[in-house]
Amino acid sequence: MFDSGKNIRDSRLEFEREIYISVDAIQNKKVNITSPRTIKSFSKARKCPNNRIDLFSIDESFRSVALLTRVKY
């Protein structure tokens, strides 16, 4: 079949996994966040009642941190 060469966030499941990895890295102090905007975006993130991440609560700074964490770790 068709193989996409981008390998970045091909599905919601992979994106949620990247978010959990970045949150874990921040909690374990492997990644240091100093930007007030990024800290605010992490505090605004929510979960849905079915325990999935509410994608509407994730802004672009949160997405960029998740992508950078994926590249770094």
N, C-alpha and C. Protein backbone atom coordinates (compact mmCIF):
# COMPACT_ATOMS: atom_id res chain seq x y z
N MET A 1 0.83 -1.19 0.00
CA MET A 1 0.00 0.00 0.00
C MET A 1 0.87 1.25 0.00
N PHE A 2 0.22 2.35 0.28
CA PHE A 2 0.90 3.65 0.29
C PHE A 2 1.64 3.85 1.60
N ASP A 3 2.88 4.22 1.53
CA ASP A 3 3.69 4.46 2.72
C ASP A 3 4.05 5.94 2.76
N SER A 4 3.49 6.64 3.75
CA SER A 4 3.81 8.07 3.86
C SER A 4 5.21 8.21 4.44
N GLY A 5 5.98 9.08 3.86
CA GLY A 5 7.36 9.26 4.29
C GLY A 5 7.52 10.27 5.41
N LYS A 6 6.43 10.87 5.85
CA LYS A 6 6.58 11.93 6.83
C LYS A 6 6.83 11.40 8.24
N ASN A 7 6.20 10.30 8.64
CA ASN A 7 6.43 9.67 9.93
C ASN A 7 6.18 10.58 11.14
N ILE A 8 5.39 11.61 10.98
CA ILE A 8 5.10 12.51 12.08
C ILE A 8 3.60 12.55 12.29
N ARG A 9 3.17 12.11 13.43
CA ARG A 9 1.77 12.17 13.84
C ARG A 9 0.83 11.60 12.79
N ASP A 10 1.00 10.34 12.47
CA ASP A 10 0.14 9.71 11.49
C ASP A 10 -1.25 9.40 12.03
N SER A 11 -1.39 9.34 13.33
CA SER A 11 -2.70 9.03 13.90
C SER A 11 -2.88 9.73 15.23
N ARG A 12 -4.10 9.74 15.69
CA ARG A 12 -4.41 10.35 16.98
C ARG A 12 -3.73 9.58 18.11
N LEU A 13 -3.66 8.27 17.98
CA LEU A 13 -3.03 7.45 19.01
C LEU A 13 -1.55 7.80 19.18
N GLU A 14 -0.84 7.99 18.07
CA GLU A 14 0.56 8.38 18.14
C GLU A 14 0.72 9.78 18.74
N PHE A 15 -0.19 10.67 18.39
CA PHE A 15 -0.11 12.03 18.93
C PHE A 15 -0.35 12.02 20.44
N GLU A 16 -1.33 11.24 20.90
CA GLU A 16 -1.57 11.14 22.33
C GLU A 16 -0.37 10.53 23.04
N ARG A 17 0.27 9.57 22.41
CA ARG A 17 1.46 8.97 23.00
C ARG A 17 2.57 10.00 23.13
N GLU A 18 2.76 10.83 22.11
CA GLU A 18 3.77 11.90 22.18
C GLU A 18 3.47 12.88 23.31
N ILE A 19 2.21 13.19 23.49
CA ILE A 19 1.82 14.10 24.56
C ILE A 19 2.15 13.50 25.92
N TYR A 20 1.80 12.23 26.12
CA TYR A 20 2.10 11.58 27.40
C TYR A 20 3.60 11.48 27.64
N ILE A 21 4.38 11.24 26.59
CA ILE A 21 5.84 11.19 26.75
C ILE A 21 6.38 12.56 27.13
N SER A 22 5.87 13.61 26.51
CA SER A 22 6.37 14.95 26.84
C SER A 22 5.97 15.37 28.26
N VAL A 23 4.76 15.02 28.68
CA VAL A 23 4.35 15.33 30.05
C VAL A 23 5.21 14.56 31.04
N ASP A 24 5.50 13.31 30.75
CA ASP A 24 6.35 12.50 31.61
C ASP A 24 7.76 13.08 31.68
N ALA A 25 8.28 13.52 30.55
CA ALA A 25 9.63 14.10 30.52
C ALA A 25 9.69 15.39 31.33
N ILE A 26 8.63 16.18 31.29
CA ILE A 26 8.60 17.42 32.07
C ILE A 26 8.49 17.11 33.56
N GLN A 27 7.65 16.14 33.92
CA GLN A 27 7.50 15.78 35.33
C GLN A 27 8.77 15.18 35.90
N ASN A 28 9.53 14.45 35.09
CA ASN A 28 10.78 13.85 35.55
C ASN A 28 11.97 14.77 35.36
N LYS A 29 11.71 16.01 34.96
CA LYS A 29 12.71 17.06 34.79
C LYS A 29 13.78 16.71 33.76
N LYS A 30 13.38 15.97 32.71
CA LYS A 30 14.28 15.72 31.59
C LYS A 30 14.21 16.87 30.60
N VAL A 31 13.06 17.58 30.60
CA VAL A 31 12.85 18.72 29.74
C VAL A 31 12.49 19.90 30.63
N ASN A 32 13.13 21.05 30.40
CA ASN A 32 12.87 22.23 31.20
C ASN A 32 12.06 23.23 30.38
N ILE A 33 10.89 23.58 30.87
CA ILE A 33 10.01 24.54 30.20
C ILE A 33 10.06 25.85 30.98
N THR A 34 10.46 26.93 30.32
CA THR A 34 10.55 28.22 30.99
C THR A 34 9.61 29.26 30.42
N SER A 35 9.05 28.99 29.26
CA SER A 35 8.16 29.95 28.62
C SER A 35 6.81 29.99 29.34
N PRO A 36 6.36 31.17 29.77
CA PRO A 36 5.06 31.26 30.44
C PRO A 36 3.90 30.80 29.55
N ARG A 37 4.02 31.05 28.25
CA ARG A 37 2.95 30.63 27.34
C ARG A 37 2.83 29.11 27.28
N THR A 38 3.97 28.43 27.23
CA THR A 38 3.96 26.97 27.17
C THR A 38 3.46 26.37 28.48
N ILE A 39 3.86 26.95 29.58
CA ILE A 39 3.37 26.47 30.89
C ILE A 39 1.87 26.64 30.97
N LYS A 40 1.36 27.76 30.48
CA LYS A 40 -0.08 28.01 30.48
C LYS A 40 -0.80 27.01 29.59
N SER A 41 -0.22 26.67 28.45
CA SER A 41 -0.86 25.72 27.55
C SER A 41 -0.90 24.32 28.15
N PHE A 42 0.13 23.94 28.91
CA PHE A 42 0.12 22.64 29.57
C PHE A 42 -0.94 22.60 30.67
N SER A 43 -1.16 23.71 31.34
CA SER A 43 -2.18 23.72 32.39
C SER A 43 -3.60 23.75 31.83
N LYS A 44 -3.77 24.21 30.59
CA LYS A 44 -5.10 24.26 29.98
C LYS A 44 -5.53 22.93 29.35
N ALA A 45 -4.61 22.01 29.16
CA ALA A 45 -4.93 20.73 28.52
C ALA A 45 -5.89 19.94 29.40
N ARG A 46 -6.87 19.30 28.74
CA ARG A 46 -7.90 18.54 29.46
C ARG A 46 -8.02 17.14 28.89
N LYS A 47 -8.70 16.30 29.67
CA LYS A 47 -9.06 14.96 29.21
C LYS A 47 -10.56 14.89 29.02
N CYS A 48 -10.97 14.08 28.08
CA CYS A 48 -12.40 13.84 27.84
C CYS A 48 -12.92 12.84 28.89
N PRO A 49 -14.24 12.71 28.99
CA PRO A 49 -14.79 11.72 29.94
C PRO A 49 -14.37 10.28 29.65
N ASN A 50 -14.02 9.98 28.40
CA ASN A 50 -13.58 8.62 28.07
C ASN A 50 -12.08 8.43 28.28
N ASN A 51 -11.44 9.36 29.00
CA ASN A 51 -10.03 9.32 29.38
C ASN A 51 -9.08 9.50 28.20
N ARG A 52 -9.57 10.09 27.11
CA ARG A 52 -8.71 10.46 25.98
C ARG A 52 -8.40 11.95 26.09
N ILE A 53 -7.39 12.40 25.40
CA ILE A 53 -7.01 13.80 25.46
C ILE A 53 -7.95 14.61 24.58
N ASP A 54 -8.42 15.72 25.12
CA ASP A 54 -9.28 16.63 24.35
C ASP A 54 -8.39 17.43 23.42
N LEU A 55 -8.45 17.13 22.14
CA LEU A 55 -7.55 17.76 21.17
C LEU A 55 -7.84 19.24 20.98
N PHE A 56 -9.05 19.67 21.30
CA PHE A 56 -9.37 21.10 21.19
C PHE A 56 -8.69 21.92 22.28
N SER A 57 -8.24 21.28 23.35
CA SER A 57 -7.57 22.01 24.43
C SER A 57 -6.06 22.08 24.23
N ILE A 58 -5.54 21.45 23.18
CA ILE A 58 -4.11 21.46 22.90
C ILE A 58 -3.80 22.56 21.89
N ASP A 59 -2.94 23.51 22.28
CA ASP A 59 -2.59 24.57 21.34
C ASP A 59 -1.25 24.28 20.66
N GLU A 60 -0.81 25.20 19.83
CA GLU A 60 0.36 24.95 18.99
C GLU A 60 1.66 24.86 19.80
N SER A 61 1.78 25.59 20.89
CA SER A 61 3.00 25.48 21.68
C SER A 61 3.11 24.12 22.35
N PHE A 62 1.98 23.56 22.78
CA PHE A 62 1.97 22.21 23.36
C PHE A 62 2.36 21.20 22.28
N ARG A 63 1.82 21.37 21.07
CA ARG A 63 2.15 20.44 19.97
C ARG A 63 3.63 20.49 19.62
N SER A 64 4.21 21.68 19.63
CA SER A 64 5.62 21.80 19.28
C SER A 64 6.51 21.15 20.34
N VAL A 65 6.14 21.28 21.61
CA VAL A 65 6.90 20.63 22.67
C VAL A 65 6.81 19.11 22.54
N ALA A 66 5.62 18.61 22.20
CA ALA A 66 5.45 17.17 22.01
C ALA A 66 6.29 16.67 20.84
N LEU A 67 6.36 17.45 19.77
CA LEU A 67 7.17 17.06 18.62
C LEU A 67 8.66 17.08 18.97
N LEU A 68 9.10 18.11 19.66
CA LEU A 68 10.51 18.21 20.04
C LEU A 68 10.89 17.10 21.02
N THR A 69 9.98 16.74 21.90
CA THR A 69 10.27 15.66 22.85
C THR A 69 10.40 14.35 22.10
N ARG A 70 9.58 14.16 21.07
CA ARG A 70 9.65 12.93 20.27
C ARG A 70 10.99 12.86 19.54
N VAL A 71 11.45 13.97 19.03
CA VAL A 71 12.72 13.97 18.30
C VAL A 71 13.89 13.75 19.26
N LYS A 72 13.81 14.32 20.46
CA LYS A 72 14.90 14.25 21.41
C LYS A 72 14.97 12.91 22.12
N TYR A 73 13.80 12.31 22.44
CA TYR A 73 13.82 11.06 23.21
C TYR A 73 13.30 9.97 22.36
